[in-house]
C-alpha atoms as a PDB file:
ATOM      1  CA  UNK A   1      59.322  15.407  25.022  1.00  0.00           C
ATOM      2  CA  UNK A   2      58.119  11.998  24.995  1.00  0.00           C
ATOM      3  CA  UNK A   3      55.430  11.216  28.007  1.00  0.00           C
ATOM      4  CA  UNK A   4      55.436   7.776  28.801  1.00  0.00           C
ATOM      5  CA  UNK A   5      51.918   6.709  30.304  1.00  0.00           C
ATOM      6  CA  UNK A   6      51.367   4.527  33.619  1.00  0.00           C
ATOM      7  CA  UNK A   7      49.442   1.269  33.885  1.00  0.00           C
ATOM      8  CA  UNK A   8      46.501   3.152  35.097  1.00  0.00           C
ATOM      9  CA  UNK A   9      46.447   5.574  32.265  1.00  0.00           C
ATOM     10  CA  UNK A  10      46.834   2.629  29.902  1.00  0.00           C
ATOM     11  CA  UNK A  11      43.717   1.009  31.393  1.00  0.00           C
ATOM     12  CA  UNK A  12      41.752   4.291  30.661  1.00  0.00           C
ATOM     13  CA  UNK A  13      43.237   4.582  27.311  1.00  0.00           C
ATOM     14  CA  UNK A  14      41.999   0.849  26.679  1.00  0.00           C
ATOM     15  CA  UNK A  15      38.453   1.958  27.324  1.00  0.00           C
ATOM     16  CA  UNK A  16      38.696   5.067  25.455  1.00  0.00           C
ATOM     17  CA  UNK A  17      39.998   2.900  22.500  1.00  0.00           C
ATOM     18  CA  UNK A  18      37.122   0.687  22.860  1.00  0.00           C
ATOM     19  CA  UNK A  19      34.496   3.428  22.625  1.00  0.00           C
ATOM     20  CA  UNK A  20      36.351   4.711  19.527  1.00  0.00           C
ATOM     21  CA  UNK A  21      36.437   1.408  17.759  1.00  0.00           C
ATOM     22  CA  UNK A  22      32.888   0.659  18.523  1.00  0.00           C
ATOM     23  CA  UNK A  23      31.789   4.213  17.169  1.00  0.00           C
ATOM     24  CA  UNK A  24      34.158   3.802  13.922  1.00  0.00           C
ATOM     25  CA  UNK A  25      32.912   0.041  13.214  1.00  0.00           C
ATOM     26  CA  UNK A  26      29.283   1.494  13.389  1.00  0.00           C
ATOM     27  CA  UNK A  27      30.019   4.347  10.945  1.00  0.00           C
ATOM     28  CA  UNK A  28      31.686   2.039   8.616  1.00  0.00           C
ATOM     29  CA  UNK A  29      28.529  -0.186   8.434  1.00  0.00           C
ATOM     30  CA  UNK A  30      26.469   3.035   7.767  1.00  0.00           C
ATOM     31  CA  UNK A  31      28.714   4.362   4.953  1.00  0.00           C
ATOM     32  CA  UNK A  32      27.043   3.757   1.854  1.00  0.00           C
ATOM     33  CA  UNK A  33      25.578   5.039  -1.305  1.00  0.00           C
ATOM     34  CA  UNK A  34      23.063   7.674  -0.699  1.00  0.00           C
ATOM     35  CA  UNK A  35      24.068   8.368   2.793  1.00  0.00           C
ATOM     36  CA  UNK A  36      24.953  12.120   3.708  1.00  0.00           C
ATOM     37  CA  UNK A  37      28.125  12.803   5.321  1.00  0.00           C
ATOM     38  CA  UNK A  38      26.426  15.122   7.897  1.00  0.00           C
ATOM     39  CA  UNK A  39      24.314  11.977   9.105  1.00  0.00           C
ATOM     40  CA  UNK A  40      27.652  10.375  10.083  1.00  0.00           C
ATOM     41  CA  UNK A  41      28.837  13.342  11.811  1.00  0.00           C
ATOM     42  CA  UNK A  42      25.640  13.358  13.811  1.00  0.00           C
ATOM     43  CA  UNK A  43      25.769   9.733  14.461  1.00  0.00           C
ATOM     44  CA  UNK A  44      29.244   9.708  15.933  1.00  0.00           C
ATOM     45  CA  UNK A  45      28.522  12.796  18.402  1.00  0.00           C
ATOM     46  CA  UNK A  46      25.166  11.161  19.629  1.00  0.00           C
ATOM     47  CA  UNK A  47      27.363   7.987  20.343  1.00  0.00           C
ATOM     48  CA  UNK A  48      30.075   9.392  21.981  1.00  0.00           C
ATOM     49  CA  UNK A  49      27.754  11.248  24.216  1.00  0.00           C
ATOM     50  CA  UNK A  50      25.972   8.031  25.232  1.00  0.00           C
ATOM     51  CA  UNK A  51      29.481   6.626  25.930  1.00  0.00           C
ATOM     52  CA  UNK A  52      30.378   9.213  28.218  1.00  0.00           C
ATOM     53  CA  UNK A  53      33.124  10.472  25.862  1.00  0.00           C
ATOM     54  CA  UNK A  54      33.836  13.544  23.940  1.00  0.00           C
ATOM     55  CA  UNK A  55      35.087  14.313  20.344  1.00  0.00           C
ATOM     56  CA  UNK A  56      38.897  15.135  20.530  1.00  0.00           C
ATOM     57  CA  UNK A  57      39.156  16.761  17.235  1.00  0.00           C
ATOM     58  CA  UNK A  58      36.073  19.133  17.861  1.00  0.00           C
ATOM     59  CA  UNK A  59      37.518  22.721  18.631  1.00  0.00           C
ATOM     60  CA  UNK A  60      41.198  21.599  18.339  1.00  0.00           C
ATOM     61  CA  UNK A  61      43.313  23.991  16.542  1.00  0.00           C
ATOM     62  CA  UNK A  62      46.591  22.434  15.337  1.00  0.00           C
ATOM     63  CA  UNK A  63      49.919  24.473  15.199  1.00  0.00           C
ATOM     64  CA  UNK A  64      49.857  26.345  11.803  1.00  0.00           C
ATOM     65  CA  UNK A  65      45.810  26.043  11.318  1.00  0.00           C
ATOM     66  CA  UNK A  66      43.704  29.335  10.812  1.00  0.00           C
ATOM     67  CA  UNK A  67      41.005  28.122  12.905  1.00  0.00           C
ATOM     68  CA  UNK A  68      39.876  25.444  15.177  1.00  0.00           C
ATOM     69  CA  UNK A  69      38.449  22.361  13.774  1.00  0.00           C
ATOM     70  CA  UNK A  70      34.627  22.503  13.459  1.00  0.00           C
ATOM     71  CA  UNK A  71      33.553  18.732  13.764  1.00  0.00           C
ATOM     72  CA  UNK A  72      33.901  15.267  15.345  1.00  0.00           C
ATOM     73  CA  UNK A  73      34.860  13.501  12.527  1.00  0.00           C
ATOM     74  CA  UNK A  74      37.389  13.988   9.595  1.00  0.00           C
ATOM     75  CA  UNK A  75      35.692  12.887   6.488  1.00  0.00           C
ATOM     76  CA  UNK A  76      37.922  12.797   3.598  1.00  0.00           C
ATOM     77  CA  UNK A  77      37.033  11.703  -0.024  1.00  0.00           C
ATOM     78  CA  UNK A  78      38.800  10.190  -2.790  1.00  0.00           C
ATOM     79  CA  UNK A  79      42.160  12.487  -3.511  1.00  0.00           C
ATOM     80  CA  UNK A  80      41.701  14.264  -0.250  1.00  0.00           C
ATOM     81  CA  UNK A  81      43.520  12.061   2.477  1.00  0.00           C
ATOM     82  CA  UNK A  82      43.046  13.895   5.736  1.00  0.00           C
ATOM     83  CA  UNK A  83      41.151  16.842   7.709  1.00  0.00           C
ATOM     84  CA  UNK A  84      38.173  16.851   5.387  1.00  0.00           C
ATOM     85  CA  UNK A  85      35.204  18.526   7.103  1.00  0.00           C
ATOM     86  CA  UNK A  86      31.908  16.897   7.056  1.00  0.00           C
ATOM     87  CA  UNK A  87      29.742  18.617   4.602  1.00  0.00           C
ATOM     88  CA  UNK A  88      26.185  18.292   2.945  1.00  0.00           C
ATOM     89  CA  UNK A  89      27.346  15.591   0.486  1.00  0.00           C
ATOM     90  CA  UNK A  90      25.673  12.263  -0.640  1.00  0.00           C
ATOM     91  CA  UNK A  91      28.156   9.579  -0.967  1.00  0.00           C
ATOM     92  CA  UNK A  92      28.247   7.999  -4.412  1.00  0.00           C
ATOM     93  CA  UNK A  93      29.306   4.753  -5.739  1.00  0.00           C
ATOM     94  CA  UNK A  94      33.150   4.819  -6.352  1.00  0.00           C
ATOM     95  CA  UNK A  95      33.980   6.996  -3.723  1.00  0.00           C
ATOM     96  CA  UNK A  96      36.770   6.233  -1.235  1.00  0.00           C
ATOM     97  CA  UNK A  97      35.796   7.536   2.112  1.00  0.00           C
ATOM     98  CA  UNK A  98      38.357   8.108   5.002  1.00  0.00           C
ATOM     99  CA  UNK A  99      36.865   8.223   8.364  1.00  0.00           C
ATOM    100  CA  UNK A 100      39.299   9.536  10.934  1.00  0.00           C
ATOM    101  CA  UNK A 101      38.218  10.067  14.649  1.00  0.00           C
ATOM    102  CA  UNK A 102      39.842  10.969  17.938  1.00  0.00           C
ATOM    103  CA  UNK A 103      38.066  10.224  21.445  1.00  0.00           C
ATOM    104  CA  UNK A 104      38.975  11.698  24.766  1.00  0.00           C
ATOM    105  CA  UNK A 105      37.599   9.561  27.584  1.00  0.00           C
ATOM    106  CA  UNK A 106      38.423  10.463  31.483  1.00  0.00           C
ATOM    107  CA  UNK A 107      40.968  12.991  30.108  1.00  0.00           C
ATOM    108  CA  UNK A 108      42.800  10.430  27.909  1.00  0.00           C
ATOM    109  CA  UNK A 109      42.956  10.477  24.142  1.00  0.00           C
ATOM    110  CA  UNK A 110      43.062   7.762  21.290  1.00  0.00           C
ATOM    111  CA  UNK A 111      43.036   8.191  17.654  1.00  0.00           C
ATOM    112  CA  UNK A 112      41.908   5.562  14.722  1.00  0.00           C
ATOM    113  CA  UNK A 113      40.789   6.008  11.165  1.00  0.00           C
ATOM    114  CA  UNK A 114      39.538   3.585   8.505  1.00  0.00           C
ATOM    115  CA  UNK A 115      39.076   4.017   4.547  1.00  0.00           C
ATOM    116  CA  UNK A 116      36.371   2.383   2.912  1.00  0.00           C
ATOM    117  CA  UNK A 117      35.150   2.070  -0.722  1.00  0.00           C
ATOM    118  CA  UNK A 118      31.482   3.104  -1.512  1.00  0.00           C
ATOM    119  CA  UNK A 119      29.588   0.939  -4.009  1.00  0.00           C
ATOM    120  CA  UNK A 120      31.679  -0.423  -6.579  1.00  0.00           C
ATOM    121  CA  UNK A 121      35.039   1.166  -6.674  1.00  0.00           C
ATOM    122  CA  UNK A 122      37.850   0.671  -9.082  1.00  0.00           C
ATOM    123  CA  UNK A 123      40.517  -2.280  -9.000  1.00  0.00           C
ATOM    124  CA  UNK A 124      43.186   0.303  -8.171  1.00  0.00           C
ATOM    125  CA  UNK A 125      41.376   1.655  -5.124  1.00  0.00           C
ATOM    126  CA  UNK A 126      40.682  -1.719  -3.934  1.00  0.00           C
ATOM    127  CA  UNK A 127      44.616  -2.294  -4.132  1.00  0.00           C
ATOM    128  CA  UNK A 128      45.258   0.819  -2.347  1.00  0.00           C
ATOM    129  CA  UNK A 129      42.991  -0.073   0.507  1.00  0.00           C
ATOM    130  CA  UNK A 130      44.699  -3.652   1.153  1.00  0.00           C
ATOM    131  CA  UNK A 131      47.972  -1.874   0.519  1.00  0.00           C
ATOM    132  CA  UNK A 132      47.825   0.821   2.995  1.00  0.00           C
ATOM    133  CA  UNK A 133      46.147  -1.678   5.555  1.00  0.00           C
ATOM    134  CA  UNK A 134      48.936  -4.132   5.222  1.00  0.00           C
ATOM    135  CA  UNK A 135      51.321  -1.134   5.474  1.00  0.00           C
ATOM    136  CA  UNK A 136      49.799  -0.490   9.122  1.00  0.00           C
ATOM    137  CA  UNK A 137      49.964  -3.897  10.091  1.00  0.00           C
ATOM    138  CA  UNK A 138      53.377  -4.075   9.083  1.00  0.00           C
ATOM    139  CA  UNK A 139      54.270  -1.004  11.139  1.00  0.00           C
ATOM    140  CA  UNK A 140      52.536  -2.433  13.977  1.00  0.00           C
ATOM    141  CA  UNK A 141      54.708  -5.484  13.889  1.00  0.00           C
ATOM    142  CA  UNK A 142      57.778  -3.785  14.492  1.00  0.00           C
ATOM    143  CA  UNK A 143      56.579  -1.227  16.924  1.00  0.00           C
ATOM    144  CA  UNK A 144      57.924  -2.912  19.969  1.00  0.00           C
ATOM    145  CA  UNK A 145      60.326  -2.373  22.804  1.00  0.00           C
ATOM    146  CA  UNK A 146      63.821  -1.817  22.121  1.00  0.00           C
ATOM    147  CA  UNK A 147      62.796  -1.284  18.260  1.00  0.00           C
ATOM    148  CA  UNK A 148      63.135   2.400  16.603  1.00  0.00           C
ATOM    149  CA  UNK A 149      60.907   4.844  15.179  1.00  0.00           C
ATOM    150  CA  UNK A 150      62.766   4.096  11.872  1.00  0.00           C
ATOM    151  CA  UNK A 151      61.602   0.711  11.874  1.00  0.00           C
ATOM    152  CA  UNK A 152      57.986   2.094  11.560  1.00  0.00           C
ATOM    153  CA  UNK A 153      58.483   4.173   8.678  1.00  0.00           C
ATOM    154  CA  UNK A 154      60.769   1.657   6.832  1.00  0.00           C
ATOM    155  CA  UNK A 155      57.947  -1.030   7.326  1.00  0.00           C
ATOM    156  CA  UNK A 156      55.215   1.286   5.876  1.00  0.00           C
ATOM    157  CA  UNK A 157      57.394   2.322   2.968  1.00  0.00           C
ATOM    158  CA  UNK A 158      58.572  -1.207   2.059  1.00  0.00           C
ATOM    159  CA  UNK A 159      55.080  -2.278   1.785  1.00  0.00           C
ATOM    160  CA  UNK A 160      53.951   0.602  -0.262  1.00  0.00           C
ATOM    161  CA  UNK A 161      56.994   0.236  -2.655  1.00  0.00           C
ATOM    162  CA  UNK A 162      56.174  -3.491  -2.964  1.00  0.00           C
ATOM    163  CA  UNK A 163      52.610  -2.834  -4.218  1.00  0.00           C
ATOM    164  CA  UNK A 164      53.788   0.194  -6.360  1.00  0.00           C
ATOM    165  CA  UNK A 165      52.095   2.861  -4.397  1.00  0.00           C
ATOM    166  CA  UNK A 166      53.487   6.174  -2.736  1.00  0.00           C
ATOM    167  CA  UNK A 167      53.873   7.324   0.537  1.00  0.00           C
ATOM    168  CA  UNK A 168      52.704  10.813   0.986  1.00  0.00           C
ATOM    169  CA  UNK A 169      55.454  12.885   2.494  1.00  0.00           C
ATOM    170  CA  UNK A 170      54.448  15.675   4.920  1.00  0.00           C
ATOM    171  CA  UNK A 171      51.892  13.869   6.662  1.00  0.00           C
ATOM    172  CA  UNK A 172      52.735  11.770  10.052  1.00  0.00           C
ATOM    173  CA  UNK A 173      51.791   9.749  12.737  1.00  0.00           C
ATOM    174  CA  UNK A 174      52.274  10.926  16.376  1.00  0.00           C
ATOM    175  CA  UNK A 175      52.480  10.176  19.956  1.00  0.00           C
ATOM    176  CA  UNK A 176      48.830  10.473  22.016  1.00  0.00           C
ATOM    177  CA  UNK A 177      47.588   9.892  25.283  1.00  0.00           C
ATOM    178  CA  UNK A 178      47.283  13.175  27.184  1.00  0.00           C
ATOM    179  CA  UNK A 179      46.616  15.243  24.175  1.00  0.00           C
ATOM    180  CA  UNK A 180      45.307  15.119  20.613  1.00  0.00           C
ATOM    181  CA  UNK A 181      48.814  15.309  19.264  1.00  0.00           C
ATOM    182  CA  UNK A 182      52.255  14.723  21.275  1.00  0.00           C
ATOM    183  CA  UNK A 183      55.888  13.950  20.588  1.00  0.00           C
ATOM    184  CA  UNK A 184      57.239  11.860  18.882  1.00  0.00           C
ATOM    185  CA  UNK A 185      56.672  12.513  15.067  1.00  0.00           C
ATOM    186  CA  UNK A 186      56.161   9.219  13.401  1.00  0.00           C
ATOM    187  CA  UNK A 187      57.439   9.483   9.810  1.00  0.00           C
ATOM    188  CA  UNK A 188      55.870   7.009   7.288  1.00  0.00           C
ATOM    189  CA  UNK A 189      59.187   6.376   5.777  1.00  0.00           C
ATOM    190  CA  UNK A 190      62.560   6.037   7.104  1.00  0.00           C
ATOM    191  CA  UNK A 191      65.546   3.536   7.876  1.00  0.00           C
ATOM    192  CA  UNK A 192      65.422   0.403  10.234  1.00  0.00           C
ATOM    193  CA  UNK A 193      67.394   0.940  13.457  1.00  0.00           C
ATOM    194  CA  UNK A 194      67.460   4.784  13.295  1.00  0.00           C
ATOM    195  CA  UNK A 195      65.671   7.465  15.235  1.00  0.00           C
ATOM    196  CA  UNK A 196      64.190   7.373  18.849  1.00  0.00           C
ATOM    197  CA  UNK A 197      64.247   3.999  20.680  1.00  0.00           C
ATOM    198  CA  UNK A 198      60.825   2.606  21.411  1.00  0.00           C
ATOM    199  CA  UNK A 199      60.051   2.124  25.199  1.00  0.00           C
ATOM    200  CA  UNK A 200      57.474   0.789  27.529  1.00  0.00           C
ATOM    201  CA  UNK A 201      54.754   3.210  28.175  1.00  0.00           C
ATOM    202  CA  UNK A 202      54.850   4.913  24.868  1.00  0.00           C
ATOM    203  CA  UNK A 203      51.425   5.373  23.127  1.00  0.00           C
ATOM    204  CA  UNK A 204      51.621   5.970  19.793  1.00  0.00           C
ATOM    205  CA  UNK A 205      49.080   6.781  16.702  1.00  0.00           C
ATOM    206  CA  UNK A 206      50.614   5.064  13.579  1.00  0.00           C
ATOM    207  CA  UNK A 207      48.893   6.310  10.540  1.00  0.00           C
ATOM    208  CA  UNK A 208      50.002   5.225   7.043  1.00  0.00           C
ATOM    209  CA  UNK A 209      48.875   7.446   4.113  1.00  0.00           C
ATOM    210  CA  UNK A 210      49.332   6.446   0.638  1.00  0.00           C
ATOM    211  CA  UNK A 211      48.232   7.556  -2.766  1.00  0.00           C
ATOM    212  CA  UNK A 212      48.211   5.973  -6.115  1.00  0.00           C
ATOM    213  CA  UNK A 213      50.899   8.149  -7.847  1.00  0.00           C
ATOM    214  CA  UNK A 214      52.212  11.120  -5.897  1.00  0.00           C
ATOM    215  CA  UNK A 215      54.425  11.529  -2.789  1.00  0.00           C
ATOM    216  CA  UNK A 216      53.437  15.366  -2.638  1.00  0.00           C
ATOM    217  CA  UNK A 217      50.549  16.872  -0.741  1.00  0.00           C
ATOM    218  CA  UNK A 218      48.698  20.178  -1.149  1.00  0.00           C
ATOM    219  CA  UNK A 219      46.623  21.941   1.326  1.00  0.00           C
ATOM    220  CA  UNK A 220      42.957  22.772   0.163  1.00  0.00           C
ATOM    221  CA  UNK A 221      41.183  25.896   1.104  1.00  0.00           C
ATOM    222  CA  UNK A 222      39.362  24.152   3.903  1.00  0.00           C
ATOM    223  CA  UNK A 223      42.915  23.324   5.297  1.00  0.00           C
ATOM    224  CA  UNK A 224      42.201  19.456   4.249  1.00  0.00           C
ATOM    225  CA  UNK A 225      45.219  17.877   2.114  1.00  0.00           C
ATOM    226  CA  UNK A 226      45.229  15.887  -1.016  1.00  0.00           C
ATOM    227  CA  UNK A 227      47.857  14.364  -3.134  1.00  0.00           C
ATOM    228  CA  UNK A 228      49.246  16.957  -5.196  1.00  0.00           C
ATOM    229  CA  UNK A 229      48.327  15.002  -8.515  1.00  0.00           C
ATOM    230  CA  UNK A 230      44.903  14.498  -7.573  1.00  0.00           C
ATOM    231  CA  UNK A 231      45.373  10.728  -7.463  1.00  0.00           C
ATOM    232  CA  UNK A 232      43.378   8.525  -4.896  1.00  0.00           C
ATOM    233  CA  UNK A 233      44.466   8.195  -1.492  1.00  0.00           C
ATOM    234  CA  UNK A 234      43.885   5.993   1.740  1.00  0.00           C
ATOM    235  CA  UNK A 235      44.434   6.388   5.335  1.00  0.00           C
ATOM    236  CA  UNK A 236      44.271   3.737   8.138  1.00  0.00           C
ATOM    237  CA  UNK A 237      45.412   4.323  11.780  1.00  0.00           C
ATOM    238  CA  UNK A 238      45.435   2.386  15.184  1.00  0.00           C
ATOM    239  CA  UNK A 239      46.357   3.768  18.476  1.00  0.00           C
ATOM    240  CA  UNK A 240      48.866   1.304  20.144  1.00  0.00           C
ATOM    241  CA  UNK A 241      50.789   1.137  23.450  1.00  0.00           C
ATOM    242  CA  UNK A 242      54.101  -0.559  24.252  1.00  0.00           C
ATOM    243  CA  UNK A 243      54.050  -2.686  27.265  1.00  0.00           C
ATOM    244  CA  UNK A 244      55.879  -5.115  29.285  1.00  0.00           C
ATOM    245  CA  UNK A 245      54.062  -7.917  27.712  1.00  0.00           C
ATOM    246  CA  UNK A 246      54.288  -6.576  24.088  1.00  0.00           C
ATOM    247  CA  UNK A 247      52.594  -4.196  21.927  1.00  0.00           C
ATOM    248  CA  UNK A 248      48.997  -3.846  22.411  1.00  0.00           C
ATOM    249  CA  UNK A 249      46.157  -2.285  19.767  1.00  0.00           C
ATOM    250  CA  UNK A 250      43.868   0.120  21.680  1.00  0.00           C
ATOM    251  CA  UNK A 251      41.436   1.029  18.903  1.00  0.00           C
ATOM    252  CA  UNK A 252      40.810  -2.619  17.818  1.00  0.00           C
END
């Protein structure tokens, strides 16, 4: 069931998104060679508390998971694309770090993710980062009133194919707002003009996830997900809302 948000709820979501954006950008500046992943986790929790918000991932147990998630951040390295649990690991030059975070503020949820190259990364890693970011931009540009979910997936896959990369199948975007995950499921591939029609009041977390050479994923023992062939992965994500005046990025 698709739950449309009211103007008042969208105002609260905008505040939630501002908090999330500020924290995420601060973490981006901190992430560097020699930094422990646990430092980033501690920073995120402290900043959210100071902002009067809470981490929406902490304690969340999605359908199919064996246990609740134990952190505020998802910190995923290299071939791991999502749900990497922060651990005692010192970032090294060449690492690709995905920082995924959800915020709940006054009962309303937003979600966003970025990928950053640590130190000197390979040329293919740089290209994958650019391609995934462009995929997100392309998806947002077509996510508007009167469009379709298939338009979003088509835009993502088209950009990935153009750049020679693969969309990781089995991982999706989603609705958001009242909960961490809501309907609809947003595939990162599809056909234009197909699927659910996009309407005013929809709040969507669009998150392209690409790999260098595999469409398949595997689940790791800690319940994170990696590319099946071990190739590098990248994730970017924004929460958007479709309004009368157009599409607004809430987590920018």
